[in-house]
Amino acid sequence: MDTGVLAKAKYVGMSAQKMRLVVDLVRGKGADDALSLLKFMPNAAAKPIYKVLRTAIANAEENFGLNRDELVVTQAFADEGPTRKWRRFGARGRFKPQLRRSAHITIIVAEREGAAS
């Protein structure tokens, strides 16, 4: 099996920790199964991950001529992006720091082992 087809989304406005909960469910599944799983998942992180997976599948079909039915999510991970530091003003002249986290999503799809080329 060669490396596979890659799709990325950078600077997604959600913490990587929340993304990883959803990404872990998708890893190792067939591409169409993973899409249907993400479509009906209530987590907010499912929507950007769905978009990246859809892009990876389209890249595999259009650029490499791979069969959609044979695609499997081989690798999927969410890394931390930059954190913006925000201020909320609190009582008695103090301020409360808030961290606005972001994440980078990477999904790699490849054909199944026994797929005929």
N, C-alpha and C. Protein backbone atom coordinates (compact mmCIF):
# COMPACT_ATOMS: atom_id res chain seq x y z
N MET A 1 0.84 -1.19 0.00
CA MET A 1 0.00 0.00 0.00
C MET A 1 0.89 1.25 0.00
N ASP A 2 0.61 2.15 -0.91
CA ASP A 2 1.37 3.39 -0.92
C ASP A 2 0.79 4.38 0.08
N THR A 3 1.27 5.60 0.04
CA THR A 3 0.98 6.55 1.10
C THR A 3 -0.49 6.94 1.22
N GLY A 4 -1.17 7.18 0.12
CA GLY A 4 -2.56 7.57 0.19
C GLY A 4 -2.75 9.01 -0.26
N VAL A 5 -3.99 9.47 -0.17
CA VAL A 5 -4.36 10.81 -0.62
C VAL A 5 -4.69 11.65 0.60
N LEU A 6 -4.14 12.86 0.62
CA LEU A 6 -4.19 13.72 1.80
C LEU A 6 -5.14 14.90 1.60
N ALA A 7 -5.81 15.29 2.67
CA ALA A 7 -6.59 16.53 2.68
C ALA A 7 -6.42 17.17 4.06
N LYS A 8 -6.29 18.51 4.08
CA LYS A 8 -6.06 19.23 5.33
C LYS A 8 -7.01 20.41 5.44
N ALA A 9 -7.32 20.75 6.69
CA ALA A 9 -7.99 22.01 6.99
C ALA A 9 -7.20 22.64 8.13
N LYS A 10 -6.82 23.89 7.94
CA LYS A 10 -6.00 24.55 8.95
C LYS A 10 -6.79 25.67 9.61
N TYR A 11 -6.41 25.97 10.83
CA TYR A 11 -6.97 27.08 11.61
C TYR A 11 -8.49 26.96 11.79
N VAL A 12 -8.97 25.74 12.04
CA VAL A 12 -10.39 25.54 12.33
C VAL A 12 -10.65 26.03 13.75
N GLY A 13 -11.67 26.82 13.94
CA GLY A 13 -11.89 27.50 15.21
C GLY A 13 -12.53 26.63 16.29
N MET A 14 -11.84 25.57 16.65
CA MET A 14 -12.31 24.67 17.70
C MET A 14 -11.09 23.97 18.29
N SER A 15 -11.17 23.58 19.54
CA SER A 15 -9.99 22.97 20.16
C SER A 15 -9.72 21.59 19.58
N ALA A 16 -8.45 21.24 19.53
CA ALA A 16 -8.04 19.95 18.99
C ALA A 16 -8.55 18.80 19.86
N GLN A 17 -8.71 19.06 21.13
CA GLN A 17 -9.21 18.02 22.05
C GLN A 17 -10.63 17.59 21.66
N LYS A 18 -11.48 18.55 21.31
CA LYS A 18 -12.84 18.22 20.88
C LYS A 18 -12.84 17.52 19.53
N MET A 19 -11.92 17.93 18.66
CA MET A 19 -11.82 17.32 17.34
C MET A 19 -11.39 15.85 17.43
N ARG A 20 -10.46 15.57 18.33
CA ARG A 20 -9.92 14.22 18.45
C ARG A 20 -10.98 13.20 18.85
N LEU A 21 -11.98 13.63 19.63
CA LEU A 21 -13.06 12.73 20.02
C LEU A 21 -13.79 12.19 18.79
N VAL A 22 -13.97 13.03 17.79
CA VAL A 22 -14.68 12.64 16.58
C VAL A 22 -13.74 11.93 15.61
N VAL A 23 -12.52 12.43 15.48
CA VAL A 23 -11.55 11.85 14.54
C VAL A 23 -11.24 10.40 14.89
N ASP A 24 -11.19 10.10 16.18
CA ASP A 24 -10.89 8.73 16.61
C ASP A 24 -11.96 7.74 16.17
N LEU A 25 -13.21 8.20 16.02
CA LEU A 25 -14.29 7.32 15.59
C LEU A 25 -14.21 7.01 14.09
N VAL A 26 -13.64 7.92 13.33
CA VAL A 26 -13.61 7.80 11.87
C VAL A 26 -12.43 6.96 11.39
N ARG A 27 -11.32 6.99 12.11
CA ARG A 27 -10.08 6.33 11.69
C ARG A 27 -10.31 4.83 11.50
N GLY A 28 -9.87 4.32 10.34
CA GLY A 28 -9.96 2.89 10.06
C GLY A 28 -11.24 2.46 9.37
N LYS A 29 -12.21 3.34 9.24
CA LYS A 29 -13.48 2.99 8.61
C LYS A 29 -13.42 3.21 7.11
N GLY A 30 -14.37 2.61 6.40
CA GLY A 30 -14.51 2.88 4.97
C GLY A 30 -14.94 4.32 4.77
N ALA A 31 -14.60 4.88 3.64
CA ALA A 31 -14.84 6.31 3.40
C ALA A 31 -16.33 6.65 3.44
N ASP A 32 -17.16 5.85 2.76
CA ASP A 32 -18.59 6.15 2.75
C ASP A 32 -19.23 5.93 4.12
N ASP A 33 -18.77 4.90 4.84
CA ASP A 33 -19.28 4.66 6.19
C ASP A 33 -18.93 5.82 7.11
N ALA A 34 -17.71 6.32 6.99
CA ALA A 34 -17.27 7.44 7.82
C ALA A 34 -18.07 8.70 7.51
N LEU A 35 -18.37 8.93 6.22
CA LEU A 35 -19.17 10.11 5.85
C LEU A 35 -20.56 10.04 6.44
N SER A 36 -21.21 8.88 6.35
CA SER A 36 -22.56 8.77 6.90
C SER A 36 -22.55 8.86 8.43
N LEU A 37 -21.50 8.36 9.06
CA LEU A 37 -21.37 8.48 10.51
C LEU A 37 -21.26 9.94 10.92
N LEU A 38 -20.42 10.69 10.20
CA LEU A 38 -20.20 12.10 10.53
C LEU A 38 -21.44 12.96 10.25
N LYS A 39 -22.17 12.59 9.22
CA LYS A 39 -23.33 13.39 8.82
C LYS A 39 -24.38 13.47 9.92
N PHE A 40 -24.56 12.39 10.67
CA PHE A 40 -25.61 12.35 11.67
C PHE A 40 -25.09 12.43 13.10
N MET A 41 -23.84 12.82 13.26
CA MET A 41 -23.26 12.95 14.58
C MET A 41 -23.61 14.32 15.17
N PRO A 42 -23.99 14.39 16.45
CA PRO A 42 -24.41 15.67 17.02
C PRO A 42 -23.26 16.61 17.38
N ASN A 43 -22.02 16.12 17.43
CA ASN A 43 -20.88 16.96 17.83
C ASN A 43 -20.65 18.07 16.81
N ALA A 44 -20.28 19.24 17.30
CA ALA A 44 -19.99 20.36 16.42
C ALA A 44 -18.73 20.11 15.59
N ALA A 45 -17.82 19.30 16.10
CA ALA A 45 -16.57 19.00 15.40
C ALA A 45 -16.81 18.12 14.17
N ALA A 46 -17.96 17.48 14.08
CA ALA A 46 -18.22 16.56 12.97
C ALA A 46 -18.31 17.29 11.63
N LYS A 47 -18.80 18.53 11.63
CA LYS A 47 -19.00 19.25 10.37
C LYS A 47 -17.69 19.57 9.65
N PRO A 48 -16.69 20.20 10.32
CA PRO A 48 -15.44 20.43 9.60
C PRO A 48 -14.70 19.15 9.22
N ILE A 49 -14.81 18.11 10.04
CA ILE A 49 -14.17 16.84 9.72
C ILE A 49 -14.85 16.19 8.51
N TYR A 50 -16.17 16.32 8.44
CA TYR A 50 -16.93 15.83 7.30
C TYR A 50 -16.45 16.48 6.01
N LYS A 51 -16.25 17.81 6.07
CA LYS A 51 -15.80 18.55 4.89
C LYS A 51 -14.41 18.09 4.42
N VAL A 52 -13.50 17.88 5.39
CA VAL A 52 -12.15 17.46 5.03
C VAL A 52 -12.17 16.06 4.43
N LEU A 53 -12.97 15.17 5.00
CA LEU A 53 -13.07 13.80 4.48
C LEU A 53 -13.66 13.79 3.07
N ARG A 54 -14.67 14.62 2.86
CA ARG A 54 -15.28 14.73 1.53
C ARG A 54 -14.26 15.23 0.50
N THR A 55 -13.42 16.16 0.93
CA THR A 55 -12.36 16.68 0.05
C THR A 55 -11.33 15.60 -0.26
N ALA A 56 -10.94 14.82 0.74
CA ALA A 56 -9.97 13.75 0.53
C ALA A 56 -10.50 12.71 -0.46
N ILE A 57 -11.78 12.38 -0.35
CA ILE A 57 -12.40 11.42 -1.27
C ILE A 57 -12.42 11.98 -2.69
N ALA A 58 -12.78 13.26 -2.82
CA ALA A 58 -12.81 13.89 -4.14
C ALA A 58 -11.42 13.95 -4.75
N ASN A 59 -10.40 14.26 -3.94
CA ASN A 59 -9.02 14.27 -4.43
C ASN A 59 -8.61 12.89 -4.95
N ALA A 60 -8.98 11.85 -4.21
CA ALA A 60 -8.62 10.49 -4.60
C ALA A 60 -9.28 10.10 -5.92
N GLU A 61 -10.54 10.49 -6.08
CA GLU A 61 -11.26 10.13 -7.30
C GLU A 61 -10.76 10.92 -8.51
N GLU A 62 -10.66 12.23 -8.36
CA GLU A 62 -10.34 13.08 -9.49
C GLU A 62 -8.86 13.06 -9.86
N ASN A 63 -7.98 13.14 -8.87
CA ASN A 63 -6.55 13.27 -9.16
C ASN A 63 -5.84 11.94 -9.35
N PHE A 64 -6.34 10.88 -8.70
CA PHE A 64 -5.63 9.61 -8.74
C PHE A 64 -6.46 8.48 -9.34
N GLY A 65 -7.72 8.74 -9.66
CA GLY A 65 -8.57 7.73 -10.30
C GLY A 65 -8.89 6.54 -9.43
N LEU A 66 -8.93 6.73 -8.12
CA LEU A 66 -9.23 5.62 -7.21
C LEU A 66 -10.73 5.40 -7.11
N ASN A 67 -11.12 4.17 -6.79
CA ASN A 67 -12.53 3.82 -6.66
C ASN A 67 -13.04 4.22 -5.28
N ARG A 68 -14.13 4.96 -5.25
CA ARG A 68 -14.69 5.47 -4.00
C ARG A 68 -15.09 4.35 -3.05
N ASP A 69 -15.59 3.25 -3.58
CA ASP A 69 -16.06 2.15 -2.74
C ASP A 69 -14.91 1.42 -2.03
N GLU A 70 -13.71 1.54 -2.56
CA GLU A 70 -12.55 0.84 -1.99
C GLU A 70 -11.73 1.71 -1.04
N LEU A 71 -12.13 2.97 -0.84
CA LEU A 71 -11.34 3.88 -0.01
C LEU A 71 -11.56 3.63 1.48
N VAL A 72 -10.47 3.74 2.23
CA VAL A 72 -10.50 3.58 3.69
C VAL A 72 -9.74 4.75 4.30
N VAL A 73 -10.23 5.24 5.44
CA VAL A 73 -9.52 6.30 6.17
C VAL A 73 -8.36 5.64 6.91
N THR A 74 -7.15 5.78 6.36
CA THR A 74 -5.99 5.12 6.98
C THR A 74 -5.43 5.92 8.13
N GLN A 75 -5.36 7.25 7.96
CA GLN A 75 -4.87 8.10 9.04
C GLN A 75 -5.78 9.31 9.16
N ALA A 76 -6.03 9.71 10.40
CA ALA A 76 -6.81 10.92 10.66
C ALA A 76 -6.36 11.46 12.00
N PHE A 77 -5.99 12.73 12.02
CA PHE A 77 -5.59 13.33 13.28
C PHE A 77 -5.88 14.82 13.29
N ALA A 78 -5.98 15.35 14.50
CA ALA A 78 -6.24 16.78 14.72
C ALA A 78 -5.13 17.31 15.61
N ASP A 79 -4.36 18.24 15.08
CA ASP A 79 -3.26 18.86 15.81
C ASP A 79 -3.69 20.24 16.30
N GLU A 80 -2.99 20.72 17.31
CA GLU A 80 -3.30 22.05 17.83
C GLU A 80 -2.79 23.12 16.88
N GLY A 81 -3.62 24.13 16.69
CA GLY A 81 -3.21 25.31 15.93
C GLY A 81 -2.84 26.41 16.90
N PRO A 82 -2.66 27.62 16.40
CA PRO A 82 -2.31 28.73 17.29
C PRO A 82 -3.47 29.08 18.23
N THR A 83 -3.14 29.56 19.40
CA THR A 83 -4.13 29.96 20.39
C THR A 83 -4.14 31.47 20.51
N ARG A 84 -5.31 32.06 20.29
CA ARG A 84 -5.44 33.51 20.48
C ARG A 84 -5.78 33.78 21.93
N LYS A 85 -5.12 34.74 22.51
CA LYS A 85 -5.40 35.09 23.90
C LYS A 85 -6.33 36.30 23.91
N TRP A 86 -7.44 36.16 24.59
CA TRP A 86 -8.52 37.14 24.60
C TRP A 86 -8.71 37.64 26.01
N ARG A 87 -9.28 38.82 26.16
CA ARG A 87 -9.51 39.36 27.50
C ARG A 87 -10.99 39.61 27.74
N ARG A 88 -11.44 39.21 28.92
CA ARG A 88 -12.76 39.61 29.41
C ARG A 88 -12.51 40.37 30.69
N PHE A 89 -13.11 41.51 30.82
CA PHE A 89 -12.87 42.32 32.01
C PHE A 89 -13.71 41.81 33.16
N GLY A 90 -13.06 41.70 34.32
CA GLY A 90 -13.72 41.16 35.50
C GLY A 90 -13.92 42.24 36.55
N ALA A 91 -14.31 41.81 37.69
CA ALA A 91 -14.61 42.73 38.79
C ALA A 91 -13.33 43.34 39.35
N ARG A 92 -13.45 44.52 39.93
CA ARG A 92 -12.37 45.21 40.65
C ARG A 92 -11.14 45.47 39.77
N GLY A 93 -11.38 45.83 38.53
CA GLY A 93 -10.30 46.24 37.65
C GLY A 93 -9.41 45.13 37.12
N ARG A 94 -9.81 43.89 37.35
CA ARG A 94 -9.01 42.78 36.85
C ARG A 94 -9.52 42.36 35.47
N PHE A 95 -8.76 41.50 34.82
CA PHE A 95 -9.30 40.91 33.61
C PHE A 95 -9.08 39.41 33.63
N LYS A 96 -9.98 38.71 32.98
CA LYS A 96 -9.98 37.25 32.94
C LYS A 96 -9.49 36.80 31.57
N PRO A 97 -8.34 36.15 31.49
CA PRO A 97 -7.87 35.70 30.17
C PRO A 97 -8.72 34.55 29.64
N GLN A 98 -8.97 34.58 28.34
CA GLN A 98 -9.66 33.48 27.68
C GLN A 98 -8.79 33.01 26.54
N LEU A 99 -8.72 31.71 26.35
CA LEU A 99 -7.93 31.14 25.28
C LEU A 99 -8.88 30.69 24.17
N ARG A 100 -8.67 31.24 22.98
CA ARG A 100 -9.45 30.83 21.82
C ARG A 100 -8.57 29.89 21.00
N ARG A 101 -8.86 28.62 21.11
CA ARG A 101 -8.01 27.61 20.50
C ARG A 101 -8.42 27.33 19.06
N SER A 102 -7.46 26.84 18.29
CA SER A 102 -7.75 26.41 16.93
C SER A 102 -7.08 25.07 16.68
N ALA A 103 -7.43 24.45 15.56
CA ALA A 103 -6.90 23.11 15.27
C ALA A 103 -6.63 22.96 13.78
N HIS A 104 -5.75 22.01 13.45
CA HIS A 104 -5.49 21.62 12.07
C HIS A 104 -5.94 20.16 11.92
N ILE A 105 -6.78 19.89 10.93
CA ILE A 105 -7.29 18.54 10.69
C ILE A 105 -6.56 17.96 9.48
N THR A 106 -6.10 16.72 9.59
CA THR A 106 -5.47 16.02 8.47
C THR A 106 -6.11 14.64 8.34
N ILE A 107 -6.56 14.32 7.12
CA ILE A 107 -7.16 13.01 6.85
C ILE A 107 -6.48 12.42 5.62
N ILE A 108 -6.08 11.14 5.72
CA ILE A 108 -5.43 10.44 4.63
C ILE A 108 -6.29 9.21 4.29
N VAL A 109 -6.69 9.11 3.03
CA VAL A 109 -7.46 7.95 2.57
C VAL A 109 -6.62 7.17 1.56
N ALA A 110 -6.81 5.86 1.54
CA ALA A 110 -6.11 4.99 0.59
C ALA A 110 -7.03 3.83 0.23
N GLU A 111 -6.68 3.11 -0.83
CA GLU A 111 -7.48 1.95 -1.22
C GLU A 111 -7.23 0.80 -0.26
N ARG A 112 -8.22 -0.08 -0.15
CA ARG A 112 -8.08 -1.28 0.68
C ARG A 112 -6.94 -2.14 0.17
N GLU A 113 -6.44 -3.01 1.02
CA GLU A 113 -5.31 -3.89 0.67
C GLU A 113 -5.62 -4.78 -0.54
N GLY A 114 -6.80 -5.40 -0.54
CA GLY A 114 -7.12 -6.36 -1.61
C GLY A 114 -7.76 -5.74 -2.82
N ALA A 115 -7.77 -4.42 -2.94
CA ALA A 115 -8.44 -3.77 -4.06
C ALA A 115 -7.67 -4.01 -5.36
N ALA A 116 -8.42 -4.33 -6.40
CA ALA A 116 -7.79 -4.55 -7.72
C ALA A 116 -7.49 -3.20 -8.36
N SER A 117 -6.26 -3.02 -8.81
CA SER A 117 -5.87 -1.75 -9.41
C SER A 117 -6.17 -1.70 -10.88
